[in-house]
Protein backbone atom coordinates (compact mmCIF):
# COMPACT_ATOMS: atom_id res chain seq x y z
CA MET A 1 -16.84 -0.27 14.36
CA LEU A 2 -15.07 3.05 13.39
CA SER A 3 -16.13 5.99 15.61
CA GLU A 4 -17.50 9.02 14.66
CA ALA A 5 -14.19 10.59 15.33
CA GLU A 6 -12.21 8.10 13.49
CA ILE A 7 -14.66 9.08 10.09
CA LYS A 8 -14.40 12.61 10.94
CA ARG A 9 -10.35 12.58 10.87
CA TRP A 10 -10.16 10.08 7.84
CA ASN A 11 -12.47 12.73 5.68
CA ALA A 12 -10.34 15.48 7.38
CA GLU A 13 -7.01 14.31 6.60
CA GLY A 14 -7.51 11.42 4.01
CA TYR A 15 -5.20 8.70 6.50
CA LEU A 16 -6.54 6.63 9.58
CA ILE A 17 -3.81 5.23 11.74
CA ILE A 18 -5.49 2.12 13.73
CA ARG A 19 -2.88 0.80 16.94
CA GLY A 20 -2.77 -2.82 17.45
CA PHE A 21 -5.13 -3.81 14.89
CA PHE A 22 -3.12 -7.07 14.52
CA SER A 23 -2.19 -8.75 17.78
CA SER A 24 1.31 -10.02 18.34
CA GLU A 25 0.38 -13.39 18.31
CA GLU A 26 -1.01 -12.35 14.61
CA ILE A 27 1.79 -10.18 13.38
CA ALA A 28 4.52 -13.01 14.39
CA LEU A 29 2.60 -15.17 12.27
CA VAL A 30 2.65 -12.68 9.61
CA GLY A 31 6.24 -11.73 9.73
CA GLU A 32 7.02 -15.76 9.67
CA ALA A 33 5.22 -16.07 6.67
CA LEU A 34 6.84 -13.04 4.71
CA ARG A 35 10.53 -14.27 5.67
CA GLY A 36 9.97 -17.54 5.58
CA ASP A 37 8.13 -17.91 1.96
CA GLU A 38 11.00 -18.41 -0.53
CA ALA A 39 9.04 -17.57 -3.40
CA ILE A 40 8.40 -13.80 -2.06
CA ALA A 41 12.03 -13.55 -2.00
CA GLU A 42 12.51 -15.03 -5.48
CA ARG A 43 9.54 -13.27 -7.16
CA SER A 44 10.65 -9.77 -5.23
CA TYR A 45 12.34 -7.16 -7.54
CA GLY A 46 13.55 -3.63 -6.91
CA LEU A 47 11.99 -0.38 -8.10
CA ALA A 48 15.06 2.43 -8.68
CA ASP A 49 14.39 5.78 -7.60
CA GLN A 50 15.84 8.88 -9.30
CA SER A 51 19.09 8.55 -7.03
CA GLY A 52 19.49 4.52 -7.87
CA GLY A 53 18.02 3.25 -4.58
CA ALA A 54 15.67 0.94 -4.85
CA THR A 55 12.90 -0.85 -2.35
CA SER A 56 12.43 -4.32 -2.74
CA ILE A 57 8.74 -5.37 -4.08
CA ALA A 58 6.30 -8.45 -4.37
CA VAL A 59 2.97 -7.71 -5.88
CA TRP A 60 -0.35 -10.43 -5.91
CA ASN A 61 -3.16 -10.15 -7.23
CA HIS A 62 -5.85 -12.63 -5.62
CA PRO A 63 -5.24 -13.02 -1.45
CA GLY A 64 -5.62 -16.73 -1.49
CA ASP A 65 -5.91 -18.87 1.82
CA ASP A 66 -2.30 -18.65 3.03
CA THR A 67 -1.48 -16.73 5.96
CA LEU A 68 -0.58 -13.45 3.88
CA GLY A 69 -3.85 -14.23 1.34
CA LEU A 70 -6.05 -14.30 4.74
CA ILE A 71 -4.90 -10.66 5.76
CA PRO A 72 -7.15 -8.91 3.42
CA ARG A 73 -10.37 -11.03 3.68
CA LEU A 74 -10.68 -10.67 7.51
CA ASP A 75 -13.80 -9.23 8.71
CA ARG A 76 -12.23 -6.14 10.41
CA MET A 77 -10.45 -5.02 7.43
CA VAL A 78 -12.68 -5.72 4.87
CA GLY A 79 -15.47 -3.69 7.40
CA THR A 80 -13.51 -0.83 7.97
CA ALA A 81 -12.66 -0.51 4.44
CA GLU A 82 -16.28 -0.46 3.40
CA ALA A 83 -16.72 1.65 6.32
CA LEU A 84 -14.62 4.33 5.06
CA LEU A 85 -14.98 4.24 1.26
CA GLY A 86 -19.01 3.66 1.76
CA GLY A 87 -19.67 0.73 0.00
CA GLU A 88 -19.02 -2.61 -1.24
CA VAL A 89 -14.95 -3.28 -1.74
CA TYR A 90 -13.04 -6.15 -3.41
CA HIS A 91 -9.40 -7.27 -3.09
CA TYR A 92 -7.67 -5.36 -5.70
CA HIS A 93 -3.77 -6.20 -4.99
CA SER A 94 -1.24 -6.89 -1.94
CA LYS A 95 2.20 -6.33 -2.15
CA VAL A 96 5.35 -6.55 0.60
CA THR A 97 7.53 -3.65 0.49
CA THR A 98 11.08 -4.07 2.25
CA LYS A 99 14.11 -1.32 2.91
CA ALA A 100 17.34 -3.61 3.59
CA PRO A 101 19.10 -2.37 6.55
CA ASN A 102 21.25 0.74 5.76
CA GLY A 103 20.14 0.71 2.25
CA GLY A 104 16.89 0.66 0.10
CA GLY A 105 15.35 3.38 -1.80
CA THR A 106 12.90 6.06 -1.73
CA TRP A 107 9.51 6.05 -2.76
CA ASP A 108 8.73 9.72 -4.51
CA TRP A 109 5.84 11.38 -3.42
CA HIS A 110 2.62 9.77 -5.25
CA GLN A 111 -0.82 9.25 -4.80
CA ASP A 112 -1.89 5.26 -5.50
CA TYR A 113 -4.52 6.56 -7.53
CA GLY A 114 -1.66 8.50 -9.73
CA TYR A 115 -1.49 4.68 -10.73
CA TRP A 116 -4.87 3.20 -10.97
CA TYR A 117 -5.91 6.17 -13.01
CA LYS A 118 -4.23 4.69 -15.85
CA ASN A 119 -6.00 1.23 -15.32
CA GLY A 120 -9.54 2.45 -16.27
CA CYS A 121 -10.70 3.02 -12.54
CA LEU A 122 -12.80 6.14 -13.26
CA TRP A 123 -13.08 7.31 -9.53
CA PRO A 124 -10.72 7.70 -7.03
CA ASP A 125 -12.99 5.26 -4.51
CA MET A 126 -9.96 3.03 -3.52
CA LEU A 127 -7.45 2.99 -0.58
CA SER A 128 -4.75 1.30 0.82
CA VAL A 129 -3.47 0.11 4.27
CA ALA A 130 -0.06 -0.43 5.36
CA ILE A 131 0.64 -2.93 7.80
CA ALA A 132 3.53 -2.95 10.08
CA VAL A 133 5.09 -6.08 10.11
CA SER A 134 8.72 -4.54 11.58
CA GLU A 135 8.90 -1.27 13.82
CA GLN A 136 8.45 1.94 11.91
CA THR A 137 10.71 4.76 12.13
CA GLU A 138 11.85 7.72 11.29
CA GLU A 139 15.26 5.94 10.64
CA ASN A 140 14.20 3.40 8.92
CA GLY A 141 12.31 4.99 5.99
CA CYS A 142 8.54 4.95 7.67
CA LEU A 143 5.54 6.11 5.39
CA ARG A 144 4.93 9.58 5.07
CA LEU A 145 1.95 11.11 4.16
CA LEU A 146 0.35 14.55 3.32
CA ALA A 147 -2.72 15.43 5.64
CA GLY A 148 -5.69 16.66 3.66
CA SER A 149 -4.03 15.80 0.23
CA HIS A 150 -6.81 13.61 -0.97
CA ARG A 151 -8.76 16.90 -1.01
CA LEU A 152 -6.47 17.80 -3.88
CA GLY A 153 -8.19 15.58 -6.53
CA ARG A 154 -5.72 13.60 -8.91
CA ILE A 155 -2.16 15.07 -9.33
CA ASP A 156 -0.48 14.39 -12.64
CA HIS A 157 2.20 11.94 -12.57
CA TYR A 158 5.18 11.12 -14.22
CA ILE A 159 7.97 8.37 -14.65
CA TYR A 160 11.05 9.18 -12.12
CA GLY A 161 13.72 6.91 -12.53
CA GLU A 162 11.72 3.29 -12.42
CA GLN A 163 8.85 4.61 -10.19
CA THR A 164 5.08 6.69 -11.07
CA GLY A 165 5.81 10.16 -9.16
CA ALA A 166 3.41 13.43 -8.75
CA ASP A 167 4.66 16.34 -10.56
CA VAL A 168 8.06 17.52 -8.39
CA ASP A 169 6.97 21.38 -9.21
CA ARG A 170 3.38 20.76 -7.80
CA MET A 171 4.77 18.99 -4.87
CA GLU A 172 6.95 21.90 -4.19
CA LEU A 173 3.79 23.83 -4.11
CA LEU A 174 2.05 21.21 -1.80
CA ALA A 175 5.00 20.77 0.80
CA SER A 176 4.57 24.10 2.39
CA HIS A 177 0.74 24.20 2.53
CA LEU A 178 -0.23 20.84 4.10
CA PRO A 179 0.99 19.03 7.14
CA GLU A 180 3.12 16.43 6.64
CA ALA A 181 2.47 13.61 9.03
CA LEU A 182 4.48 10.18 9.79
CA PHE A 183 3.36 6.28 10.33
CA LEU A 184 5.69 5.59 13.01
CA GLY A 185 4.48 2.44 14.60
CA VAL A 186 5.17 -0.80 16.07
CA PRO A 187 4.30 -4.42 14.44
CA GLY A 188 0.46 -4.82 14.49
CA ASP A 189 -0.26 -1.44 13.65
CA VAL A 190 -1.86 -0.22 10.49
CA CYS A 191 -2.34 2.93 8.38
CA PHE A 192 -5.41 2.81 6.11
CA PHE A 193 -4.76 5.98 3.69
CA HIS A 194 -6.91 7.30 0.50
CA GLY A 195 -6.40 6.51 -3.11
CA ASN A 196 -5.53 10.16 -3.90
CA THR A 197 -3.42 11.10 -0.72
CA LEU A 198 0.01 12.04 -1.29
CA HIS A 199 2.83 9.88 0.50
CA ASN A 200 6.70 8.72 0.13
CA SER A 201 8.89 7.23 1.94
CA SER A 202 12.81 7.57 2.53
CA PRO A 203 15.62 4.96 2.40
CA ASN A 204 16.86 2.87 5.49
CA ALA A 205 19.31 4.29 7.41
CA SER A 206 18.69 1.83 10.35
CA ASP A 207 20.63 -1.48 10.94
CA GLY A 208 17.48 -3.67 10.49
CA PRO A 209 14.71 -4.32 7.72
CA ARG A 210 11.94 -2.21 7.44
CA GLU A 211 9.11 -4.44 6.29
CA LEU A 212 5.43 -3.51 5.23
CA ILE A 213 3.02 -5.35 3.56
CA VAL A 214 0.21 -3.21 1.61
CA CYS A 215 -3.25 -4.59 0.78
CA ALA A 216 -5.21 -2.36 -1.66
CA TYR A 217 -8.96 -2.01 -2.17
CA ASN A 218 -11.24 -1.14 -5.05
CA THR A 219 -14.82 -0.39 -4.65
CA ALA A 220 -17.27 -3.00 -6.30
CA ALA A 221 -19.00 0.07 -8.34
CA ASN A 222 -15.61 1.49 -9.28
CA ASP A 223 -15.26 -1.83 -11.74
CA PRO A 224 -12.41 -1.04 -14.01
CA VAL A 225 -13.65 0.10 -17.68
CA ILE A 226 -10.67 -1.48 -19.44
CA ASP A 227 -8.51 -4.94 -18.82
CA HIS A 228 -5.50 -4.41 -17.18
CA HIS A 229 -3.01 -6.02 -14.86
CA HIS A 230 -5.00 -6.05 -11.72
CA PRO A 231 -8.53 -7.39 -11.40
CA GLY A 232 -11.46 -6.02 -12.10
CA TYR A 233 -14.37 -6.71 -9.81
CA THR A 234 -14.31 -9.89 -7.78
CA PRO A 235 -16.54 -10.68 -4.63
CA LEU A 236 -14.12 -10.96 -2.02
CA HIS A 237 -15.02 -14.02 0.57
CA ARG A 238 -14.22 -12.80 3.90
CA VAL A 239 -12.92 -14.91 6.71
CA ASP A 240 -13.41 -14.11 10.63
CA ASP A 241 -11.26 -12.22 12.29
CA GLN A 242 -9.82 -15.46 13.80
CA ALA A 243 -8.72 -16.94 10.90
CA ILE A 244 -4.94 -16.43 11.06
CA ILE A 245 -4.41 -17.84 14.72
CA ASP A 246 -6.97 -20.30 13.81
CA GLN A 247 -5.18 -21.67 10.55
CA GLY A 248 -1.68 -21.17 11.85
CA LEU A 249 1.64 -20.54 9.63
CA VAL A 250 0.82 -21.41 6.00
CA MET A 251 2.73 -20.05 3.10
CA ALA A 252 1.44 -20.05 -1.17
CA GLY A 253 4.87 -20.27 -2.28
CA GLU A 254 5.04 -20.41 -6.51
CA SER A 255 1.06 -21.16 -6.29
CA ARG A 256 0.63 -17.26 -5.37
CA ARG A 257 -0.02 -15.77 -8.66
CA PHE A 258 2.56 -13.05 -8.79
CA MET A 259 2.49 -10.06 -10.97
CA ASN A 260 5.03 -9.24 -13.29
CA PRO A 261 7.29 -6.35 -12.71
CA ALA A 262 6.95 -4.59 -16.01
CA ASP A 263 3.27 -4.55 -15.34
CA ASP A 264 4.05 -2.27 -11.86
CA ILE A 265 5.18 0.48 -14.34
CA SER A 266 1.38 1.88 -15.19
CA ILE A 267 2.04 5.34 -17.33
CA GLU A 268 5.45 4.08 -18.83
CA SER A 269 4.44 6.67 -21.83
CA PHE A 270 4.11 9.92 -19.64
CA SER A 271 7.27 11.76 -19.53
CA PRO A 272 8.34 14.27 -16.69
CA PRO A 273 7.59 17.97 -18.12
CA PRO A 274 10.76 20.34 -19.53
CA GLY A 275 12.30 21.48 -15.98
CA GLY A 276 10.38 18.93 -13.73
């Protein structure tokens, strides 16, 4: 259960970091599944930034019954998302993002709802959960967020490189008015953040990989009004919080329905404004 202070922090800042959300035993199984499933490596692709760097990403829509699929179905994951969004949620999609040692790209400043707006989701009543599988540091390109930016509403987004990013001119103004927060953590820590919270990350300058799993939830009442590459409302079959430990290591391989790389750019018709 979330405390009143945590709910208040979420409402004010648009994100909530929870330490030790996954136990060391759980996150060890998650890490083994992430690194050992050959299908994830084969289905991963790079999204280039404006400088030519790229972050490796693999995306899937339906959670499944394997180790990674159990994560967004856990009672504590679903319960926290529902407490923060104020109603029933369903699994919108999950993804793995990996920045290679001494490499990887920049994630430009963006709101996740900047992508999802074009998918027919009429309300920004959505959130993402970033799960640290490796240590998250400034050096290896941790998640950065603009505190309170979820209260700005949706910012215009355009295609920069192969990514959808917030209007850079607007971002210059916002950066001087809103405090920046970093998701620094150890494996098992998580960061819940609102669909309108602006966030980015830098390349990995460390000698080890930066590994992150991100699970996205949409509210059931926000069922998309058009068909697109992420699912409409699909009842989420919750599992007990001990499910990962009780089941042990299971990898889905090619039975997981990975998303087509081209589908991940949902605002491809948008071009940056002149001078942007």
